[in-house]
C-alpha atoms as a PDB file:
ATOM      1  CA  MET A   1      35.946  59.874 -10.308  1.00  0.00           C
ATOM      2  CA  ASN A   2      39.385  59.020 -11.575  1.00  0.00           C
ATOM      3  CA  MET A   3      41.309  55.895 -10.961  1.00  0.00           C
ATOM      4  CA  GLN A   4      42.373  57.172  -7.628  1.00  0.00           C
ATOM      5  CA  GLY A   5      38.919  58.145  -6.567  1.00  0.00           C
ATOM      6  CA  GLU A   6      39.213  61.810  -6.950  1.00  0.00           C
ATOM      7  CA  THR A   7      37.257  63.986  -8.758  1.00  0.00           C
ATOM      8  CA  TYR A   8      39.050  65.547 -12.034  1.00  0.00           C
ATOM      9  CA  GLN A   9      39.125  69.044 -12.302  1.00  0.00           C
ATOM     10  CA  PRO A  10      40.123  70.773 -15.515  1.00  0.00           C
ATOM     11  CA  ASP A  11      42.608  73.561 -15.684  1.00  0.00           C
ATOM     12  CA  PRO A  12      40.685  76.543 -15.241  1.00  0.00           C
ATOM     13  CA  ASN A  13      42.662  78.352 -17.668  1.00  0.00           C
ATOM     14  CA  ARG A  14      42.636  75.709 -20.400  1.00  0.00           C
ATOM     15  CA  TYR A  15      41.111  77.977 -23.041  1.00  0.00           C
ATOM     16  CA  ASP A  16      43.583  80.978 -22.540  1.00  0.00           C
ATOM     17  CA  SER A  17      46.321  80.084 -25.191  1.00  0.00           C
ATOM     18  CA  THR A  18      44.163  78.270 -28.057  1.00  0.00           C
ATOM     19  CA  THR A  19      42.985  80.074 -30.821  1.00  0.00           C
ATOM     20  CA  TYR A  20      40.056  77.686 -32.359  1.00  0.00           C
ATOM     21  CA  ARG A  21      39.828  77.513 -36.064  1.00  0.00           C
ATOM     22  CA  ARG A  22      36.467  77.390 -37.944  1.00  0.00           C
ATOM     23  CA  CYS A  23      35.682  74.414 -39.854  1.00  0.00           C
ATOM     24  CA  GLY A  24      35.123  75.361 -43.304  1.00  0.00           C
ATOM     25  CA  ASP A  25      32.375  77.749 -43.401  1.00  0.00           C
ATOM     26  CA  SER A  26      30.425  76.186 -40.615  1.00  0.00           C
ATOM     27  CA  GLY A  27      29.784  77.174 -37.020  1.00  0.00           C
ATOM     28  CA  LEU A  28      31.830  74.472 -35.693  1.00  0.00           C
ATOM     29  CA  LYS A  29      35.298  75.250 -34.414  1.00  0.00           C
ATOM     30  CA  LEU A  30      38.335  72.949 -33.661  1.00  0.00           C
ATOM     31  CA  PRO A  31      41.594  73.259 -31.739  1.00  0.00           C
ATOM     32  CA  PRO A  32      44.487  73.223 -34.222  1.00  0.00           C
ATOM     33  CA  ILE A  33      46.029  70.105 -32.502  1.00  0.00           C
ATOM     34  CA  CYS A  34      43.421  67.362 -31.923  1.00  0.00           C
ATOM     35  CA  LEU A  35      43.899  63.930 -30.030  1.00  0.00           C
ATOM     36  CA  GLY A  36      43.514  61.044 -32.163  1.00  0.00           C
ATOM     37  CA  CYS A  37      42.753  57.536 -30.691  1.00  0.00           C
ATOM     38  CA  TRP A  38      43.846  55.327 -33.593  1.00  0.00           C
ATOM     39  CA  HIS A  39      46.766  54.072 -31.626  1.00  0.00           C
ATOM     40  CA  ASN A  40      47.372  53.892 -27.797  1.00  0.00           C
ATOM     41  CA  PHE A  41      43.646  53.473 -27.007  1.00  0.00           C
ATOM     42  CA  GLY A  42      43.162  49.763 -27.387  1.00  0.00           C
ATOM     43  CA  ASP A  43      43.305  46.817 -24.774  1.00  0.00           C
ATOM     44  CA  THR A  44      46.862  46.582 -24.706  1.00  0.00           C
ATOM     45  CA  THR A  45      47.110  50.334 -23.066  1.00  0.00           C
ATOM     46  CA  PRO A  46      46.694  50.786 -19.311  1.00  0.00           C
ATOM     47  CA  LEU A  47      43.318  52.722 -18.673  1.00  0.00           C
ATOM     48  CA  ASP A  48      45.083  55.124 -16.651  1.00  0.00           C
ATOM     49  CA  ARG A  49      47.435  56.034 -19.104  1.00  0.00           C
ATOM     50  CA  MET A  50      44.771  56.682 -21.805  1.00  0.00           C
ATOM     51  CA  GLN A  51      42.913  58.895 -18.880  1.00  0.00           C
ATOM     52  CA  LYS A  52      45.927  60.819 -18.480  1.00  0.00           C
ATOM     53  CA  LEU A  53      46.456  61.767 -22.102  1.00  0.00           C
ATOM     54  CA  CYS A  54      43.048  62.766 -22.341  1.00  0.00           C
ATOM     55  CA  THR A  55      43.119  64.939 -19.177  1.00  0.00           C
ATOM     56  CA  THR A  56      46.388  66.360 -20.150  1.00  0.00           C
ATOM     57  CA  ALA A  57      44.675  67.356 -23.830  1.00  0.00           C
ATOM     58  CA  PHE A  58      41.817  68.732 -22.182  1.00  0.00           C
ATOM     59  CA  ASP A  59      43.690  70.948 -19.498  1.00  0.00           C
ATOM     60  CA  HIS A  60      45.497  72.405 -22.691  1.00  0.00           C
ATOM     61  CA  GLY A  61      42.574  73.543 -24.667  1.00  0.00           C
ATOM     62  CA  ILE A  62      42.365  70.357 -26.825  1.00  0.00           C
ATOM     63  CA  THR A  63      38.642  69.655 -26.818  1.00  0.00           C
ATOM     64  CA  HIS A  64      38.375  67.319 -29.917  1.00  0.00           C
ATOM     65  CA  PHE A  65      38.732  63.367 -29.436  1.00  0.00           C
ATOM     66  CA  ASP A  66      38.800  61.517 -32.498  1.00  0.00           C
ATOM     67  CA  LEU A  67      37.611  57.786 -32.820  1.00  0.00           C
ATOM     68  CA  ALA A  68      36.362  55.282 -35.189  1.00  0.00           C
ATOM     69  CA  ASP A  69      34.468  52.042 -34.380  1.00  0.00           C
ATOM     70  CA  ASN A  70      37.380  49.953 -35.542  1.00  0.00           C
ATOM     71  CA  TYR A  71      40.396  51.357 -33.599  1.00  0.00           C
ATOM     72  CA  GLY A  72      41.669  49.352 -31.120  1.00  0.00           C
ATOM     73  CA  PRO A  73      43.322  46.731 -30.647  1.00  0.00           C
ATOM     74  CA  GLY A  74      40.616  45.027 -30.752  1.00  0.00           C
ATOM     75  CA  PRO A  75      37.886  46.576 -32.776  1.00  0.00           C
ATOM     76  CA  GLY A  76      35.689  48.742 -30.665  1.00  0.00           C
ATOM     77  CA  ALA A  77      38.175  48.829 -27.954  1.00  0.00           C
ATOM     78  CA  ALA A  78      39.201  52.684 -28.281  1.00  0.00           C
ATOM     79  CA  GLU A  79      35.213  53.712 -27.962  1.00  0.00           C
ATOM     80  CA  ARG A  80      34.717  51.303 -25.023  1.00  0.00           C
ATOM     81  CA  ASN A  81      37.694  52.674 -23.196  1.00  0.00           C
ATOM     82  CA  MET A  82      36.843  56.324 -24.158  1.00  0.00           C
ATOM     83  CA  GLY A  83      33.482  55.689 -22.668  1.00  0.00           C
ATOM     84  CA  ILE A  84      34.877  54.828 -19.549  1.00  0.00           C
ATOM     85  CA  ILE A  85      37.073  57.869 -19.395  1.00  0.00           C
ATOM     86  CA  LEU A  86      34.089  60.285 -20.614  1.00  0.00           C
ATOM     87  CA  ARG A  87      32.104  58.997 -17.387  1.00  0.00           C
ATOM     88  CA  ARG A  88      34.830  59.267 -14.944  1.00  0.00           C
ATOM     89  CA  CYS A  89      36.474  62.390 -16.079  1.00  0.00           C
ATOM     90  CA  PHE A  90      34.044  64.327 -18.490  1.00  0.00           C
ATOM     91  CA  SER A  91      30.607  63.669 -17.440  1.00  0.00           C
ATOM     92  CA  HIS A  92      30.124  67.440 -16.511  1.00  0.00           C
ATOM     93  CA  HIS A  93      32.160  68.669 -19.656  1.00  0.00           C
ATOM     94  CA  ARG A  94      30.303  66.779 -22.228  1.00  0.00           C
ATOM     95  CA  GLN A  95      29.201  70.320 -23.688  1.00  0.00           C
ATOM     96  CA  GLU A  96      32.890  71.407 -24.037  1.00  0.00           C
ATOM     97  CA  LEU A  97      33.966  68.303 -26.041  1.00  0.00           C
ATOM     98  CA  VAL A  98      33.802  67.482 -29.779  1.00  0.00           C
ATOM     99  CA  ILE A  99      33.662  63.813 -29.941  1.00  0.00           C
ATOM    100  CA  SER A 100      33.859  61.971 -33.458  1.00  0.00           C
ATOM    101  CA  THR A 101      33.636  58.419 -34.535  1.00  0.00           C
ATOM    102  CA  LYS A 102      33.576  56.626 -37.837  1.00  0.00           C
ATOM    103  CA  ALA A 103      32.148  53.599 -39.706  1.00  0.00           C
ATOM    104  CA  GLY A 104      33.189  51.815 -42.972  1.00  0.00           C
ATOM    105  CA  TYR A 105      35.757  49.338 -42.229  1.00  0.00           C
ATOM    106  CA  GLU A 106      34.843  45.799 -41.249  1.00  0.00           C
ATOM    107  CA  MET A 107      33.574  45.589 -37.680  1.00  0.00           C
ATOM    108  CA  TRP A 108      31.451  42.247 -37.610  1.00  0.00           C
ATOM    109  CA  PRO A 109      31.048  39.308 -40.107  1.00  0.00           C
ATOM    110  CA  GLY A 110      28.579  38.962 -43.061  1.00  0.00           C
ATOM    111  CA  PRO A 111      27.538  41.181 -45.743  1.00  0.00           C
ATOM    112  CA  TYR A 112      26.561  44.119 -43.734  1.00  0.00           C
ATOM    113  CA  GLY A 113      29.681  44.311 -41.725  1.00  0.00           C
ATOM    114  CA  ASN A 114      31.700  46.995 -43.698  1.00  0.00           C
ATOM    115  CA  LEU A 115      31.678  49.667 -46.284  1.00  0.00           C
ATOM    116  CA  GLY A 116      29.048  52.227 -46.969  1.00  0.00           C
ATOM    117  CA  SER A 117      25.356  50.698 -47.089  1.00  0.00           C
ATOM    118  CA  ARG A 118      22.747  52.151 -44.949  1.00  0.00           C
ATOM    119  CA  LYS A 119      22.475  48.807 -43.035  1.00  0.00           C
ATOM    120  CA  HIS A 120      26.195  49.214 -42.157  1.00  0.00           C
ATOM    121  CA  LEU A 121      26.511  52.899 -41.195  1.00  0.00           C
ATOM    122  CA  LEU A 122      23.263  53.162 -39.096  1.00  0.00           C
ATOM    123  CA  SER A 123      24.112  49.898 -37.381  1.00  0.00           C
ATOM    124  CA  GLY A 124      27.537  50.793 -36.589  1.00  0.00           C
ATOM    125  CA  LEU A 125      26.737  54.307 -35.355  1.00  0.00           C
ATOM    126  CA  ASP A 126      24.188  52.704 -32.854  1.00  0.00           C
ATOM    127  CA  GLN A 127      26.878  50.209 -31.511  1.00  0.00           C
ATOM    128  CA  SER A 128      29.425  52.925 -31.345  1.00  0.00           C
ATOM    129  CA  LEU A 129      26.979  55.133 -29.174  1.00  0.00           C
ATOM    130  CA  LYS A 130      26.604  52.241 -26.823  1.00  0.00           C
ATOM    131  CA  ARG A 131      30.132  51.792 -26.698  1.00  0.00           C
ATOM    132  CA  LEU A 132      30.873  55.514 -25.887  1.00  0.00           C
ATOM    133  CA  GLY A 133      27.784  55.730 -23.601  1.00  0.00           C
ATOM    134  CA  LEU A 134      26.520  58.671 -25.459  1.00  0.00           C
ATOM    135  CA  ASP A 135      23.299  59.800 -26.915  1.00  0.00           C
ATOM    136  CA  TYR A 136      25.028  61.454 -29.765  1.00  0.00           C
ATOM    137  CA  VAL A 137      28.481  62.311 -31.395  1.00  0.00           C
ATOM    138  CA  ASP A 138      29.553  65.394 -32.556  1.00  0.00           C
ATOM    139  CA  ILE A 139      30.936  64.352 -35.914  1.00  0.00           C
ATOM    140  CA  PHE A 140      30.073  61.119 -37.604  1.00  0.00           C
ATOM    141  CA  TYR A 141      32.257  59.790 -40.604  1.00  0.00           C
ATOM    142  CA  HIS A 142      31.923  57.559 -43.564  1.00  0.00           C
ATOM    143  CA  HIS A 143      35.365  55.975 -43.054  1.00  0.00           C
ATOM    144  CA  ARG A 144      36.160  55.251 -46.608  1.00  0.00           C
ATOM    145  CA  PRO A 145      34.445  55.321 -49.906  1.00  0.00           C
ATOM    146  CA  ASP A 146      32.539  52.226 -51.069  1.00  0.00           C
ATOM    147  CA  PRO A 147      32.536  51.702 -54.902  1.00  0.00           C
ATOM    148  CA  ASP A 148      29.797  49.220 -55.023  1.00  0.00           C
ATOM    149  CA  THR A 149      27.013  51.325 -52.914  1.00  0.00           C
ATOM    150  CA  PRO A 150      25.363  54.176 -54.659  1.00  0.00           C
ATOM    151  CA  LEU A 151      26.724  57.406 -52.954  1.00  0.00           C
ATOM    152  CA  GLU A 152      23.270  58.687 -52.780  1.00  0.00           C
ATOM    153  CA  GLU A 153      22.673  55.557 -50.311  1.00  0.00           C
ATOM    154  CA  THR A 154      25.775  56.409 -48.183  1.00  0.00           C
ATOM    155  CA  MET A 155      24.914  60.185 -47.974  1.00  0.00           C
ATOM    156  CA  GLY A 156      21.268  59.489 -47.152  1.00  0.00           C
ATOM    157  CA  ALA A 157      22.465  57.192 -44.165  1.00  0.00           C
ATOM    158  CA  LEU A 158      24.860  59.826 -43.033  1.00  0.00           C
ATOM    159  CA  ALA A 159      21.906  62.472 -43.248  1.00  0.00           C
ATOM    160  CA  GLN A 160      19.619  60.340 -41.117  1.00  0.00           C
ATOM    161  CA  ALA A 161      22.234  60.018 -38.543  1.00  0.00           C
ATOM    162  CA  VAL A 162      21.957  63.765 -38.011  1.00  0.00           C
ATOM    163  CA  THR A 163      18.154  64.109 -38.451  1.00  0.00           C
ATOM    164  CA  SER A 164      17.675  61.204 -35.884  1.00  0.00           C
ATOM    165  CA  GLY A 165      19.660  63.494 -33.311  1.00  0.00           C
ATOM    166  CA  LYS A 166      22.665  60.767 -33.085  1.00  0.00           C
ATOM    167  CA  ALA A 167      25.198  62.990 -34.784  1.00  0.00           C
ATOM    168  CA  LEU A 168      25.317  66.735 -34.942  1.00  0.00           C
ATOM    169  CA  TYR A 169      27.733  67.135 -38.149  1.00  0.00           C
ATOM    170  CA  LEU A 170      28.956  64.705 -40.736  1.00  0.00           C
ATOM    171  CA  GLY A 171      32.490  64.058 -41.992  1.00  0.00           C
ATOM    172  CA  LEU A 172      34.016  62.004 -45.116  1.00  0.00           C
ATOM    173  CA  SER A 173      37.280  60.124 -44.625  1.00  0.00           C
ATOM    174  CA  ASN A 174      39.706  58.964 -47.244  1.00  0.00           C
ATOM    175  CA  TYR A 175      37.647  60.348 -50.104  1.00  0.00           C
ATOM    176  CA  ASP A 176      39.464  62.133 -53.163  1.00  0.00           C
ATOM    177  CA  GLY A 177      38.311  65.533 -54.589  1.00  0.00           C
ATOM    178  CA  PRO A 178      36.037  64.564 -57.149  1.00  0.00           C
ATOM    179  CA  THR A 179      33.858  61.802 -55.084  1.00  0.00           C
ATOM    180  CA  MET A 180      34.078  64.368 -52.114  1.00  0.00           C
ATOM    181  CA  ALA A 181      32.324  67.261 -54.343  1.00  0.00           C
ATOM    182  CA  ARG A 182      29.696  64.955 -55.318  1.00  0.00           C
ATOM    183  CA  ALA A 183      28.898  63.860 -52.025  1.00  0.00           C
ATOM    184  CA  ALA A 184      28.800  67.479 -50.989  1.00  0.00           C
ATOM    185  CA  ALA A 185      26.344  68.363 -53.597  1.00  0.00           C
ATOM    186  CA  ILE A 186      24.038  65.472 -52.533  1.00  0.00           C
ATOM    187  CA  LEU A 187      24.203  66.490 -48.644  1.00  0.00           C
ATOM    188  CA  THR A 188      23.701  70.339 -49.680  1.00  0.00           C
ATOM    189  CA  GLU A 189      20.344  69.254 -51.245  1.00  0.00           C
ATOM    190  CA  MET A 190      19.587  67.377 -48.395  1.00  0.00           C
ATOM    191  CA  HIS A 191      20.328  70.286 -45.864  1.00  0.00           C
ATOM    192  CA  VAL A 192      22.538  68.425 -43.472  1.00  0.00           C
ATOM    193  CA  PRO A 193      25.545  69.751 -42.181  1.00  0.00           C
ATOM    194  CA  PHE A 194      28.698  68.084 -43.986  1.00  0.00           C
ATOM    195  CA  VAL A 195      31.511  70.064 -42.420  1.00  0.00           C
ATOM    196  CA  ILE A 196      34.867  68.437 -42.458  1.00  0.00           C
ATOM    197  CA  ASN A 197      37.205  65.591 -44.158  1.00  0.00           C
ATOM    198  CA  GLN A 198      39.721  63.723 -42.806  1.00  0.00           C
ATOM    199  CA  ASN A 199      42.604  62.585 -44.602  1.00  0.00           C
ATOM    200  CA  ARG A 200      46.222  61.521 -44.430  1.00  0.00           C
ATOM    201  CA  TYR A 201      48.632  64.215 -45.221  1.00  0.00           C
ATOM    202  CA  SER A 202      52.110  64.909 -44.255  1.00  0.00           C
ATOM    203  CA  ILE A 203      55.631  66.291 -45.571  1.00  0.00           C
ATOM    204  CA  PHE A 204      56.127  62.886 -47.038  1.00  0.00           C
ATOM    205  CA  ASP A 205      52.848  61.986 -48.120  1.00  0.00           C
ATOM    206  CA  ARG A 206      50.943  64.230 -50.635  1.00  0.00           C
ATOM    207  CA  THR A 207      48.117  62.264 -51.847  1.00  0.00           C
ATOM    208  CA  ILE A 208      45.631  64.931 -51.305  1.00  0.00           C
ATOM    209  CA  GLU A 209      47.313  67.406 -53.526  1.00  0.00           C
ATOM    210  CA  ASP A 210      47.364  64.932 -56.459  1.00  0.00           C
ATOM    211  CA  ASN A 211      43.632  63.359 -56.090  1.00  0.00           C
ATOM    212  CA  GLY A 212      42.102  66.756 -55.916  1.00  0.00           C
ATOM    213  CA  LEU A 213      40.802  66.520 -52.178  1.00  0.00           C
ATOM    214  CA  LYS A 214      42.737  69.661 -51.088  1.00  0.00           C
ATOM    215  CA  ASP A 215      41.425  71.866 -53.845  1.00  0.00           C
ATOM    216  CA  ALA A 216      38.298  70.527 -53.446  1.00  0.00           C
ATOM    217  CA  VAL A 217      38.260  71.348 -49.712  1.00  0.00           C
ATOM    218  CA  MET A 218      38.956  75.019 -50.526  1.00  0.00           C
ATOM    219  CA  LYS A 219      36.169  75.229 -53.287  1.00  0.00           C
ATOM    220  CA  GLU A 220      33.287  73.616 -51.378  1.00  0.00           C
ATOM    221  CA  LYS A 221      34.387  75.458 -48.050  1.00  0.00           C
ATOM    222  CA  LYS A 222      35.132  72.510 -46.058  1.00  0.00           C
ATOM    223  CA  GLY A 223      37.375  71.691 -43.109  1.00  0.00           C
ATOM    224  CA  LEU A 224      40.076  69.324 -43.454  1.00  0.00           C
ATOM    225  CA  ILE A 225      41.697  67.380 -40.336  1.00  0.00           C
ATOM    226  CA  THR A 226      45.017  65.581 -41.302  1.00  0.00           C
ATOM    227  CA  PHE A 227      45.968  62.260 -39.663  1.00  0.00           C
ATOM    228  CA  SER A 228      49.489  60.501 -39.660  1.00  0.00           C
ATOM    229  CA  PRO A 229      51.190  64.158 -40.095  1.00  0.00           C
ATOM    230  CA  LEU A 230      54.141  62.652 -38.526  1.00  0.00           C
ATOM    231  CA  ALA A 231      54.221  59.824 -40.826  1.00  0.00           C
ATOM    232  CA  GLN A 232      53.901  57.025 -38.303  1.00  0.00           C
ATOM    233  CA  GLY A 233      56.717  58.647 -36.398  1.00  0.00           C
ATOM    234  CA  LEU A 234      59.272  58.913 -39.464  1.00  0.00           C
ATOM    235  CA  LEU A 235      59.027  63.158 -38.952  1.00  0.00           C
ATOM    236  CA  THR A 236      60.356  62.710 -35.551  1.00  0.00           C
ATOM    237  CA  ASP A 237      63.789  62.315 -34.267  1.00  0.00           C
ATOM    238  CA  ARG A 238      62.983  58.489 -33.591  1.00  0.00           C
ATOM    239  CA  TYR A 239      64.730  57.165 -36.649  1.00  0.00           C
ATOM    240  CA  LEU A 240      67.363  59.629 -37.218  1.00  0.00           C
ATOM    241  CA  HIS A 241      70.071  56.937 -36.751  1.00  0.00           C
ATOM    242  CA  GLY A 242      68.134  53.910 -37.617  1.00  0.00           C
ATOM    243  CA  ILE A 243      65.346  51.474 -36.217  1.00  0.00           C
ATOM    244  CA  PRO A 244      65.402  51.515 -32.353  1.00  0.00           C
ATOM    245  CA  GLU A 245      64.510  48.273 -30.627  1.00  0.00           C
ATOM    246  CA  ASP A 246      61.324  49.932 -28.914  1.00  0.00           C
ATOM    247  CA  SER A 247      59.931  51.510 -31.991  1.00  0.00           C
ATOM    248  CA  ARG A 248      56.920  50.947 -33.581  1.00  0.00           C
ATOM    249  CA  ILE A 249      58.422  49.250 -36.616  1.00  0.00           C
ATOM    250  CA  ARG A 250      59.750  46.678 -34.071  1.00  0.00           C
ATOM    251  CA  ALA A 251      56.777  46.310 -31.872  1.00  0.00           C
ATOM    252  CA  ASP A 252      53.856  46.793 -34.261  1.00  0.00           C
ATOM    253  CA  GLY A 253      54.468  46.302 -38.072  1.00  0.00           C
ATOM    254  CA  ARG A 254      51.121  46.903 -39.402  1.00  0.00           C
ATOM    255  CA  PHE A 255      51.308  50.434 -40.264  1.00  0.00           C
ATOM    256  CA  LEU A 256      54.935  51.117 -40.630  1.00  0.00           C
ATOM    257  CA  LYS A 257      57.243  48.586 -41.939  1.00  0.00           C
ATOM    258  CA  GLU A 258      60.812  48.213 -41.762  1.00  0.00           C
ATOM    259  CA  SER A 259      61.059  48.481 -45.588  1.00  0.00           C
ATOM    260  CA  ALA A 260      59.840  52.141 -45.418  1.00  0.00           C
ATOM    261  CA  LEU A 261      63.185  53.285 -43.871  1.00  0.00           C
ATOM    262  CA  THR A 262      65.245  52.941 -46.855  1.00  0.00           C
ATOM    263  CA  PRO A 263      68.830  54.876 -47.044  1.00  0.00           C
ATOM    264  CA  GLN A 264      67.286  57.546 -49.274  1.00  0.00           C
ATOM    265  CA  ARG A 265      64.184  58.058 -46.612  1.00  0.00           C
ATOM    266  CA  LEU A 266      66.924  58.175 -44.072  1.00  0.00           C
ATOM    267  CA  LYS A 267      68.872  60.955 -45.625  1.00  0.00           C
ATOM    268  CA  GLN A 268      65.593  62.822 -46.133  1.00  0.00           C
ATOM    269  CA  ILE A 269      64.642  62.751 -42.562  1.00  0.00           C
ATOM    270  CA  GLN A 270      68.196  63.800 -41.404  1.00  0.00           C
ATOM    271  CA  ASP A 271      68.029  66.755 -43.956  1.00  0.00           C
ATOM    272  CA  LEU A 272      64.690  67.875 -42.600  1.00  0.00           C
ATOM    273  CA  ASN A 273      65.954  67.292 -39.038  1.00  0.00           C
ATOM    274  CA  GLU A 274      68.704  69.790 -39.836  1.00  0.00           C
ATOM    275  CA  LEU A 275      66.239  72.306 -41.203  1.00  0.00           C
ATOM    276  CA  ALA A 276      64.183  72.031 -38.296  1.00  0.00           C
ATOM    277  CA  ARG A 277      67.149  72.513 -36.101  1.00  0.00           C
ATOM    278  CA  GLN A 278      67.896  75.699 -37.640  1.00  0.00           C
ATOM    279  CA  ARG A 279      64.223  76.832 -37.207  1.00  0.00           C
ATOM    280  CA  GLY A 280      64.835  76.417 -33.509  1.00  0.00           C
ATOM    281  CA  GLN A 281      62.276  73.423 -33.547  1.00  0.00           C
ATOM    282  CA  SER A 282      62.053  69.548 -33.257  1.00  0.00           C
ATOM    283  CA  LEU A 283      61.512  67.479 -36.655  1.00  0.00           C
ATOM    284  CA  ALA A 284      58.088  66.713 -35.212  1.00  0.00           C
ATOM    285  CA  GLU A 285      57.240  70.223 -34.433  1.00  0.00           C
ATOM    286  CA  MET A 286      58.023  71.500 -37.710  1.00  0.00           C
ATOM    287  CA  ALA A 287      56.099  68.681 -39.478  1.00  0.00           C
ATOM    288  CA  LEU A 288      53.052  69.753 -37.614  1.00  0.00           C
ATOM    289  CA  ALA A 289      53.898  73.461 -38.184  1.00  0.00           C
ATOM    290  CA  TRP A 290      54.101  72.875 -41.879  1.00  0.00           C
ATOM    291  CA  LEU A 291      50.506  71.399 -41.882  1.00  0.00           C
ATOM    292  CA  LEU A 292      49.148  74.183 -39.576  1.00  0.00           C
ATOM    293  CA  ARG A 293      50.204  77.020 -41.880  1.00  0.00           C
ATOM    294  CA  ASP A 294      48.193  75.695 -44.744  1.00  0.00           C
ATOM    295  CA  PRO A 295      44.911  77.734 -45.183  1.00  0.00           C
ATOM    296  CA  ALA A 296      43.205  74.215 -45.913  1.00  0.00           C
ATOM    297  CA  VAL A 297      44.279  72.550 -43.010  1.00  0.00           C
ATOM    298  CA  THR A 298      41.756  73.247 -39.860  1.00  0.00           C
ATOM    299  CA  SER A 299      43.213  70.800 -37.548  1.00  0.00           C
ATOM    300  CA  VAL A 300      46.094  68.111 -36.968  1.00  0.00           C
ATOM    301  CA  LEU A 301      45.188  64.711 -35.373  1.00  0.00           C
ATOM    302  CA  ILE A 302      48.197  63.814 -33.137  1.00  0.00           C
ATOM    303  CA  GLY A 303      48.829  60.316 -31.370  1.00  0.00           C
ATOM    304  CA  ALA A 304      50.524  60.059 -28.236  1.00  0.00           C
ATOM    305  CA  SER A 305      51.615  57.350 -25.754  1.00  0.00           C
ATOM    306  CA  LYS A 306      52.602  59.806 -23.155  1.00  0.00           C
ATOM    307  CA  PRO A 307      51.490  63.189 -21.997  1.00  0.00           C
ATOM    308  CA  GLU A 308      54.677  64.835 -22.492  1.00  0.00           C
ATOM    309  CA  GLN A 309      54.360  64.160 -26.375  1.00  0.00           C
ATOM    310  CA  ILE A 310      51.118  66.097 -26.243  1.00  0.00           C
ATOM    311  CA  LEU A 311      52.833  69.039 -24.614  1.00  0.00           C
ATOM    312  CA  ASP A 312      55.642  68.850 -27.169  1.00  0.00           C
ATOM    313  CA  ASN A 313      53.400  68.689 -30.119  1.00  0.00           C
ATOM    314  CA  LEU A 314      51.349  71.831 -28.963  1.00  0.00           C
ATOM    315  CA  LYS A 315      54.518  73.875 -29.248  1.00  0.00           C
ATOM    316  CA  ALA A 316      54.083  73.337 -33.108  1.00  0.00           C
ATOM    317  CA  VAL A 317      51.093  75.960 -32.949  1.00  0.00           C
ATOM    318  CA  GLN A 318      53.547  78.724 -31.869  1.00  0.00           C
ATOM    319  CA  SER A 319      56.029  78.374 -34.673  1.00  0.00           C
ATOM    320  CA  ALA A 320      53.645  77.995 -37.795  1.00  0.00           C
ATOM    321  CA  ASP A 321      55.284  80.702 -40.012  1.00  0.00           C
ATOM    322  CA  PHE A 322      57.692  79.605 -42.802  1.00  0.00           C
ATOM    323  CA  SER A 323      59.650  81.571 -45.462  1.00  0.00           C
ATOM    324  CA  GLN A 324      59.183  80.685 -49.222  1.00  0.00           C
ATOM    325  CA  GLU A 325      62.686  79.377 -49.163  1.00  0.00           C
ATOM    326  CA  GLU A 326      62.026  76.966 -46.141  1.00  0.00           C
ATOM    327  CA  LEU A 327      58.986  75.711 -47.886  1.00  0.00           C
ATOM    328  CA  GLY A 328      60.890  75.116 -51.203  1.00  0.00           C
ATOM    329  CA  MET A 329      63.581  73.574 -49.015  1.00  0.00           C
ATOM    330  CA  ILE A 330      61.416  71.094 -47.564  1.00  0.00           C
ATOM    331  CA  ASP A 331      59.529  70.183 -50.991  1.00  0.00           C
ATOM    332  CA  ARG A 332      63.319  69.535 -52.209  1.00  0.00           C
ATOM    333  CA  ILE A 333      64.005  67.455 -49.521  1.00  0.00           C
ATOM    334  CA  ALA A 334      60.748  65.507 -49.481  1.00  0.00           C
ATOM    335  CA  LEU A 335      59.761  65.417 -53.003  1.00  0.00           C
ATOM    336  CA  GLY A 336      62.989  65.768 -55.052  1.00  0.00           C
ATOM    337  CA  LYS A 337      61.577  69.121 -56.636  1.00  0.00           C
ATOM    338  CA  GLN A 338      63.971  71.433 -57.948  1.00  0.00           C
ATOM    339  CA  SER A 339      63.408  75.388 -57.458  1.00  0.00           C
END
């Protein structure tokens, strides 16, 4: 039942316009645009708004909802709220959904509350399942590397999540290329399905091009799902003329600070916006399309505070072709590269 007491009925045509992408060489397919719950699913957002985001996404073929145990605010809130929405709206559609979560950031006090020990990961997964009200998640990620725990221990804990039936697939988040390749070798030897990597990637943030992760994804035939594709809103029309009073920079400076919007960055945003206009796109659409045109990228995670933003972002899938001249221009603007 939804919040008005009516049973949610998904759009019967929800799969007609989406082409799903295979996650590496696995059998799992994901939609090109997925709904991320990093922002806007904590206790500061009304539940009916979160519910509308989820039903709008599903009505348009978005089957993958991405969470982590520490998403909020406060930590655990996104999973708890998603659990309510799953019960209200999706109890008859669980088999159609891909629900992912992660463990690795601090969730409780003491020596077992974060990072990559077997104790933390398996305890964290159990707590996540309780908050979500699920018997299993489709993808369970290690959220960040732990330099102090043997990689074999961390991968062994992920493997047990699968063999115990609490996760169907495994993922790694925020790993670099060499560490991911080592982890992949361990998990292959254990015969468990490691299928996807989640990393920050955007026109402005090319870290995975420099740390070997993007090349390793292709070599190891793993999926790649990218977060912060719009650089926390910088790759939108939000900051074309400075910092609005109702912007994320003003409202929540945890992840995007005012110092990020330098005069040079503002000029880059304006130049990229002009290129997007010439392509017949918004800047956000072009930024998403730039990612989706890459054969290494399986899916792009979007955040949304309004259903209309989800619908706008879906337009990027329709215009993901770029000329070499356009790609070169994007690199020259964003990175200062010369042709």
